[in-house]
C-alpha atoms as a PDB file:
ATOM      1  CA  UNK A   1     -22.727  -2.033 -10.046  1.00  0.00           C
ATOM      2  CA  UNK A   2     -19.348  -0.477 -10.817  1.00  0.00           C
ATOM      3  CA  UNK A   3     -16.108  -2.351 -10.290  1.00  0.00           C
ATOM      4  CA  UNK A   4     -14.250  -1.712  -7.035  1.00  0.00           C
ATOM      5  CA  UNK A   5     -11.613   0.994  -7.309  1.00  0.00           C
ATOM      6  CA  UNK A   6      -8.314  -0.185  -5.826  1.00  0.00           C
ATOM      7  CA  UNK A   7      -5.175   1.898  -5.343  1.00  0.00           C
ATOM      8  CA  UNK A   8      -1.868   0.014  -5.426  1.00  0.00           C
ATOM      9  CA  UNK A   9       1.369   1.542  -4.163  1.00  0.00           C
ATOM     10  CA  UNK A  10       4.855   0.445  -3.140  1.00  0.00           C
ATOM     11  CA  UNK A  11       6.732   1.968  -0.235  1.00  0.00           C
ATOM     12  CA  UNK A  12       9.914   1.769  -2.320  1.00  0.00           C
ATOM     13  CA  UNK A  13      10.700   3.771  -5.442  1.00  0.00           C
ATOM     14  CA  UNK A  14      14.117   2.178  -5.995  1.00  0.00           C
ATOM     15  CA  UNK A  15      14.716   0.918  -9.518  1.00  0.00           C
ATOM     16  CA  UNK A  16      14.173  -2.845  -9.628  1.00  0.00           C
ATOM     17  CA  UNK A  17      12.526  -2.887  -6.186  1.00  0.00           C
ATOM     18  CA  UNK A  18      11.109  -6.270  -5.203  1.00  0.00           C
ATOM     19  CA  UNK A  19       8.254  -4.494  -3.442  1.00  0.00           C
ATOM     20  CA  UNK A  20       7.632  -2.575  -6.649  1.00  0.00           C
ATOM     21  CA  UNK A  21       7.358  -5.962  -8.413  1.00  0.00           C
ATOM     22  CA  UNK A  22       4.884  -7.140  -5.774  1.00  0.00           C
ATOM     23  CA  UNK A  23       2.764  -4.005  -6.248  1.00  0.00           C
ATOM     24  CA  UNK A  24       2.786  -4.508 -10.041  1.00  0.00           C
ATOM     25  CA  UNK A  25       1.764  -8.144  -9.607  1.00  0.00           C
ATOM     26  CA  UNK A  26      -1.101  -7.178  -7.278  1.00  0.00           C
ATOM     27  CA  UNK A  27      -2.267  -4.544  -9.787  1.00  0.00           C
ATOM     28  CA  UNK A  28      -2.205  -7.164 -12.549  1.00  0.00           C
ATOM     29  CA  UNK A  29      -4.148  -9.735 -10.511  1.00  0.00           C
ATOM     30  CA  UNK A  30      -6.725  -7.128  -9.485  1.00  0.00           C
ATOM     31  CA  UNK A  31      -7.214  -6.024 -13.103  1.00  0.00           C
ATOM     32  CA  UNK A  32      -7.758  -9.650 -14.171  1.00  0.00           C
ATOM     33  CA  UNK A  33     -10.557  -9.811 -11.588  1.00  0.00           C
ATOM     34  CA  UNK A  34     -12.143  -6.658 -13.077  1.00  0.00           C
ATOM     35  CA  UNK A  35     -11.116  -4.161 -10.428  1.00  0.00           C
ATOM     36  CA  UNK A  36     -10.516  -0.593 -11.535  1.00  0.00           C
ATOM     37  CA  UNK A  37      -6.833  -0.282 -10.583  1.00  0.00           C
ATOM     38  CA  UNK A  38      -4.714   2.811 -10.038  1.00  0.00           C
ATOM     39  CA  UNK A  39      -1.044   1.828  -9.694  1.00  0.00           C
ATOM     40  CA  UNK A  40       0.949   4.813  -8.517  1.00  0.00           C
ATOM     41  CA  UNK A  41       4.586   5.490  -7.723  1.00  0.00           C
ATOM     42  CA  UNK A  42       5.446   7.716  -4.788  1.00  0.00           C
ATOM     43  CA  UNK A  43       8.338   8.956  -6.930  1.00  0.00           C
ATOM     44  CA  UNK A  44       5.717  11.017  -8.775  1.00  0.00           C
ATOM     45  CA  UNK A  45       4.619  12.686  -5.507  1.00  0.00           C
ATOM     46  CA  UNK A  46       7.772  13.938  -3.761  1.00  0.00           C
ATOM     47  CA  UNK A  47       7.240  15.348  -0.287  1.00  0.00           C
ATOM     48  CA  UNK A  48       9.581  17.004   2.218  1.00  0.00           C
ATOM     49  CA  UNK A  49      10.169  15.254   5.526  1.00  0.00           C
ATOM     50  CA  UNK A  50       7.213  16.133   7.732  1.00  0.00           C
ATOM     51  CA  UNK A  51       7.944  19.158   9.907  1.00  0.00           C
ATOM     52  CA  UNK A  52       5.267  21.056  11.839  1.00  0.00           C
ATOM     53  CA  UNK A  53       7.109  24.362  11.342  1.00  0.00           C
ATOM     54  CA  UNK A  54       7.218  23.755   7.582  1.00  0.00           C
ATOM     55  CA  UNK A  55       3.506  22.998   7.588  1.00  0.00           C
ATOM     56  CA  UNK A  56       2.827  26.146   9.634  1.00  0.00           C
ATOM     57  CA  UNK A  57       4.865  28.309   7.247  1.00  0.00           C
ATOM     58  CA  UNK A  58       3.843  26.802   3.886  1.00  0.00           C
ATOM     59  CA  UNK A  59       0.776  24.673   4.494  1.00  0.00           C
ATOM     60  CA  UNK A  60       0.368  21.092   3.349  1.00  0.00           C
ATOM     61  CA  UNK A  61       2.246  20.366   0.099  1.00  0.00           C
ATOM     62  CA  UNK A  62       0.168  19.994  -3.056  1.00  0.00           C
ATOM     63  CA  UNK A  63       1.411  16.421  -3.573  1.00  0.00           C
ATOM     64  CA  UNK A  64       0.002  15.411  -0.171  1.00  0.00           C
ATOM     65  CA  UNK A  65      -3.357  16.879  -1.229  1.00  0.00           C
ATOM     66  CA  UNK A  66      -3.231  14.942  -4.521  1.00  0.00           C
ATOM     67  CA  UNK A  67      -2.463  11.711  -2.663  1.00  0.00           C
ATOM     68  CA  UNK A  68      -5.228  12.363  -0.145  1.00  0.00           C
ATOM     69  CA  UNK A  69      -7.716  12.759  -3.010  1.00  0.00           C
ATOM     70  CA  UNK A  70      -6.464   9.504  -4.548  1.00  0.00           C
ATOM     71  CA  UNK A  71      -6.832   7.644  -1.245  1.00  0.00           C
ATOM     72  CA  UNK A  72     -10.345   9.064  -0.732  1.00  0.00           C
ATOM     73  CA  UNK A  73     -11.349   8.115  -4.291  1.00  0.00           C
ATOM     74  CA  UNK A  74     -10.647   4.395  -3.861  1.00  0.00           C
ATOM     75  CA  UNK A  75     -12.573   1.641  -2.107  1.00  0.00           C
ATOM     76  CA  UNK A  76      -9.451  -0.351  -1.270  1.00  0.00           C
ATOM     77  CA  UNK A  77      -5.717   0.262  -1.019  1.00  0.00           C
ATOM     78  CA  UNK A  78      -2.874  -2.241  -1.309  1.00  0.00           C
ATOM     79  CA  UNK A  79       0.475  -1.155   0.139  1.00  0.00           C
ATOM     80  CA  UNK A  80       3.637  -3.087  -0.637  1.00  0.00           C
ATOM     81  CA  UNK A  81       5.756  -2.366   2.424  1.00  0.00           C
ATOM     82  CA  UNK A  82       9.532  -2.801   2.303  1.00  0.00           C
ATOM     83  CA  UNK A  83      11.191  -3.410   5.643  1.00  0.00           C
ATOM     84  CA  UNK A  84      14.068  -1.152   6.701  1.00  0.00           C
ATOM     85  CA  UNK A  85      15.852  -2.179   9.909  1.00  0.00           C
ATOM     86  CA  UNK A  86      12.829  -4.148  11.141  1.00  0.00           C
ATOM     87  CA  UNK A  87      10.490  -1.211  10.494  1.00  0.00           C
ATOM     88  CA  UNK A  88       8.607   0.727   7.823  1.00  0.00           C
ATOM     89  CA  UNK A  89      10.315   2.826   5.169  1.00  0.00           C
ATOM     90  CA  UNK A  90      10.700   6.539   5.881  1.00  0.00           C
ATOM     91  CA  UNK A  91       9.156   7.230   2.452  1.00  0.00           C
ATOM     92  CA  UNK A  92       5.936   5.393   3.247  1.00  0.00           C
ATOM     93  CA  UNK A  93       5.646   6.688   6.827  1.00  0.00           C
ATOM     94  CA  UNK A  94       6.288  10.284   5.707  1.00  0.00           C
ATOM     95  CA  UNK A  95       3.690   9.966   2.949  1.00  0.00           C
ATOM     96  CA  UNK A  96       1.036   8.663   5.345  1.00  0.00           C
ATOM     97  CA  UNK A  97       1.891  11.418   7.855  1.00  0.00           C
ATOM     98  CA  UNK A  98       1.520  14.191   5.272  1.00  0.00           C
ATOM     99  CA  UNK A  99      -1.771  12.751   3.955  1.00  0.00           C
ATOM    100  CA  UNK A 100      -3.099  12.756   7.525  1.00  0.00           C
ATOM    101  CA  UNK A 101      -2.500  16.526   7.684  1.00  0.00           C
ATOM    102  CA  UNK A 102      -4.753  17.348   4.688  1.00  0.00           C
ATOM    103  CA  UNK A 103      -7.910  19.159   5.778  1.00  0.00           C
ATOM    104  CA  UNK A 104      -9.935  18.592   2.595  1.00  0.00           C
ATOM    105  CA  UNK A 105     -13.250  16.711   2.448  1.00  0.00           C
ATOM    106  CA  UNK A 106     -13.065  12.932   2.568  1.00  0.00           C
ATOM    107  CA  UNK A 107     -11.501  10.434   4.910  1.00  0.00           C
ATOM    108  CA  UNK A 108      -8.341   8.886   3.403  1.00  0.00           C
ATOM    109  CA  UNK A 109      -7.935   6.130   5.976  1.00  0.00           C
ATOM    110  CA  UNK A 110     -11.202   5.194   7.673  1.00  0.00           C
ATOM    111  CA  UNK A 111     -13.302   4.812   4.501  1.00  0.00           C
ATOM    112  CA  UNK A 112     -11.027   2.507   2.477  1.00  0.00           C
ATOM    113  CA  UNK A 113      -9.988  -1.018   3.339  1.00  0.00           C
ATOM    114  CA  UNK A 114      -6.241  -1.657   3.352  1.00  0.00           C
ATOM    115  CA  UNK A 115      -4.294  -4.780   2.407  1.00  0.00           C
ATOM    116  CA  UNK A 116      -0.590  -5.207   3.106  1.00  0.00           C
ATOM    117  CA  UNK A 117       2.237  -7.224   1.625  1.00  0.00           C
ATOM    118  CA  UNK A 118       6.023  -7.213   1.695  1.00  0.00           C
ATOM    119  CA  UNK A 119       9.041  -8.768   0.016  1.00  0.00           C
ATOM    120  CA  UNK A 120      12.312  -9.062   1.907  1.00  0.00           C
ATOM    121  CA  UNK A 121      15.719 -10.654   1.241  1.00  0.00           C
ATOM    122  CA  UNK A 122      15.612 -12.412   4.621  1.00  0.00           C
ATOM    123  CA  UNK A 123      13.563 -15.309   5.877  1.00  0.00           C
ATOM    124  CA  UNK A 124      10.892 -13.217   7.633  1.00  0.00           C
ATOM    125  CA  UNK A 125       9.578 -11.751   4.371  1.00  0.00           C
ATOM    126  CA  UNK A 126       9.204  -8.240   5.761  1.00  0.00           C
ATOM    127  CA  UNK A 127       6.863  -9.365   8.552  1.00  0.00           C
ATOM    128  CA  UNK A 128       8.392  -7.034  11.170  1.00  0.00           C
ATOM    129  CA  UNK A 129       7.777  -4.043   8.918  1.00  0.00           C
ATOM    130  CA  UNK A 130       4.249  -5.259   8.146  1.00  0.00           C
ATOM    131  CA  UNK A 131       3.439  -5.411  11.861  1.00  0.00           C
ATOM    132  CA  UNK A 132       4.695  -1.832  12.221  1.00  0.00           C
ATOM    133  CA  UNK A 133       2.642  -0.673   9.226  1.00  0.00           C
ATOM    134  CA  UNK A 134      -0.466  -2.386  10.602  1.00  0.00           C
ATOM    135  CA  UNK A 135       0.019  -0.523  13.901  1.00  0.00           C
ATOM    136  CA  UNK A 136       0.414   2.825  12.116  1.00  0.00           C
ATOM    137  CA  UNK A 137      -2.673   2.290   9.962  1.00  0.00           C
ATOM    138  CA  UNK A 138      -4.991   0.748  12.567  1.00  0.00           C
ATOM    139  CA  UNK A 139      -3.942   2.453  15.800  1.00  0.00           C
ATOM    140  CA  UNK A 140      -2.533   5.720  14.488  1.00  0.00           C
ATOM    141  CA  UNK A 141      -4.875   6.416  11.574  1.00  0.00           C
ATOM    142  CA  UNK A 142      -7.987   4.348  12.318  1.00  0.00           C
ATOM    143  CA  UNK A 143      -7.836   2.436   9.045  1.00  0.00           C
ATOM    144  CA  UNK A 144      -9.465  -0.955   8.556  1.00  0.00           C
ATOM    145  CA  UNK A 145      -6.722  -3.426   7.573  1.00  0.00           C
ATOM    146  CA  UNK A 146      -7.386  -6.967   6.368  1.00  0.00           C
ATOM    147  CA  UNK A 147      -6.137  -9.498   8.910  1.00  0.00           C
ATOM    148  CA  UNK A 148      -4.196 -11.546   6.366  1.00  0.00           C
ATOM    149  CA  UNK A 149      -0.950 -10.153   4.930  1.00  0.00           C
ATOM    150  CA  UNK A 150       1.389 -11.512   2.264  1.00  0.00           C
ATOM    151  CA  UNK A 151       4.968 -11.979   3.355  1.00  0.00           C
ATOM    152  CA  UNK A 152       7.453 -12.974   0.630  1.00  0.00           C
ATOM    153  CA  UNK A 153      10.881 -14.125   1.902  1.00  0.00           C
ATOM    154  CA  UNK A 154      14.132 -14.592  -0.059  1.00  0.00           C
ATOM    155  CA  UNK A 155      13.525 -11.696  -2.454  1.00  0.00           C
ATOM    156  CA  UNK A 156      16.402 -12.570  -4.784  1.00  0.00           C
ATOM    157  CA  UNK A 157      14.674 -15.808  -5.849  1.00  0.00           C
ATOM    158  CA  UNK A 158      11.023 -14.995  -5.082  1.00  0.00           C
ATOM    159  CA  UNK A 159      10.075 -13.894  -8.616  1.00  0.00           C
ATOM    160  CA  UNK A 160      10.427 -15.852 -11.834  1.00  0.00           C
ATOM    161  CA  UNK A 161      11.459 -14.399 -15.214  1.00  0.00           C
ATOM    162  CA  UNK A 162       7.878 -13.212 -15.858  1.00  0.00           C
ATOM    163  CA  UNK A 163       7.778 -11.329 -12.505  1.00  0.00           C
ATOM    164  CA  UNK A 164       5.301 -13.845 -11.076  1.00  0.00           C
ATOM    165  CA  UNK A 165       5.882 -15.326  -7.626  1.00  0.00           C
ATOM    166  CA  UNK A 166       8.071 -18.397  -7.984  1.00  0.00           C
ATOM    167  CA  UNK A 167       6.707 -20.280  -4.958  1.00  0.00           C
ATOM    168  CA  UNK A 168       3.214 -21.677  -5.472  1.00  0.00           C
ATOM    169  CA  UNK A 169       2.266 -21.449  -1.773  1.00  0.00           C
ATOM    170  CA  UNK A 170       3.065 -17.712  -1.602  1.00  0.00           C
ATOM    171  CA  UNK A 171       1.359 -17.092  -4.941  1.00  0.00           C
ATOM    172  CA  UNK A 172      -1.775 -18.770  -3.553  1.00  0.00           C
ATOM    173  CA  UNK A 173      -1.618 -16.575  -0.449  1.00  0.00           C
ATOM    174  CA  UNK A 174      -1.429 -13.505  -2.692  1.00  0.00           C
ATOM    175  CA  UNK A 175      -4.477 -14.678  -4.668  1.00  0.00           C
ATOM    176  CA  UNK A 176      -6.431 -15.074  -1.421  1.00  0.00           C
ATOM    177  CA  UNK A 177      -5.380 -11.596  -0.255  1.00  0.00           C
ATOM    178  CA  UNK A 178      -6.374 -10.005  -3.585  1.00  0.00           C
ATOM    179  CA  UNK A 179      -9.769 -11.749  -3.458  1.00  0.00           C
ATOM    180  CA  UNK A 180     -10.296 -10.673   0.179  1.00  0.00           C
ATOM    181  CA  UNK A 181      -9.421  -7.077  -0.728  1.00  0.00           C
ATOM    182  CA  UNK A 182     -11.970  -7.094  -3.562  1.00  0.00           C
ATOM    183  CA  UNK A 183     -14.674  -8.563  -1.302  1.00  0.00           C
ATOM    184  CA  UNK A 184     -13.978  -5.973   1.397  1.00  0.00           C
ATOM    185  CA  UNK A 185     -13.874  -3.146  -1.166  1.00  0.00           C
ATOM    186  CA  UNK A 186     -17.286  -4.192  -2.502  1.00  0.00           C
ATOM    187  CA  UNK A 187     -18.668  -4.059   1.039  1.00  0.00           C
ATOM    188  CA  UNK A 188     -17.054  -0.610   1.475  1.00  0.00           C
ATOM    189  CA  UNK A 189     -18.729   0.534  -1.790  1.00  0.00           C
ATOM    190  CA  UNK A 190     -22.157  -0.397  -0.444  1.00  0.00           C
ATOM    191  CA  UNK A 191     -21.835   1.906   2.597  1.00  0.00           C
END
């Protein structure tokens, strides 16, 4: 049986992003467990702000179609979700909206299992944004999302000098999430 194919993506493209570090760490831990990992940056897939008139005039942008194909081609997807003003980032929301407009074969949301994590400077660890992202994925897009999420507070001290999580408890939670994502992706592969 082939290894599960997992897509890893951060909702932030800022240089030095803590959520980018979390996505890289998830990709590394998945690869160690023999997953076939695609770690992408949304910086490589720029999209205009979603606008129905723009879609009517020009169609769905090619980058949205490329992302849709990537989502469809993976058994599981990990999203590292920065929190902006107690919500999801415009970049990530806009990306998901555009992908939902693609009318090509394949189901980008319902046929992959999603796992979520966040890093935040505050004490909540991005949990408010994660709840918003869960609502968007489950209610808005019909995606299966693992019940457990990784929430990493105090971003400035959350990673050590090797870009590993500094706190053992949070690192253990991430391991459990990665293992749950692989198990769920294997089940998804068998359907």
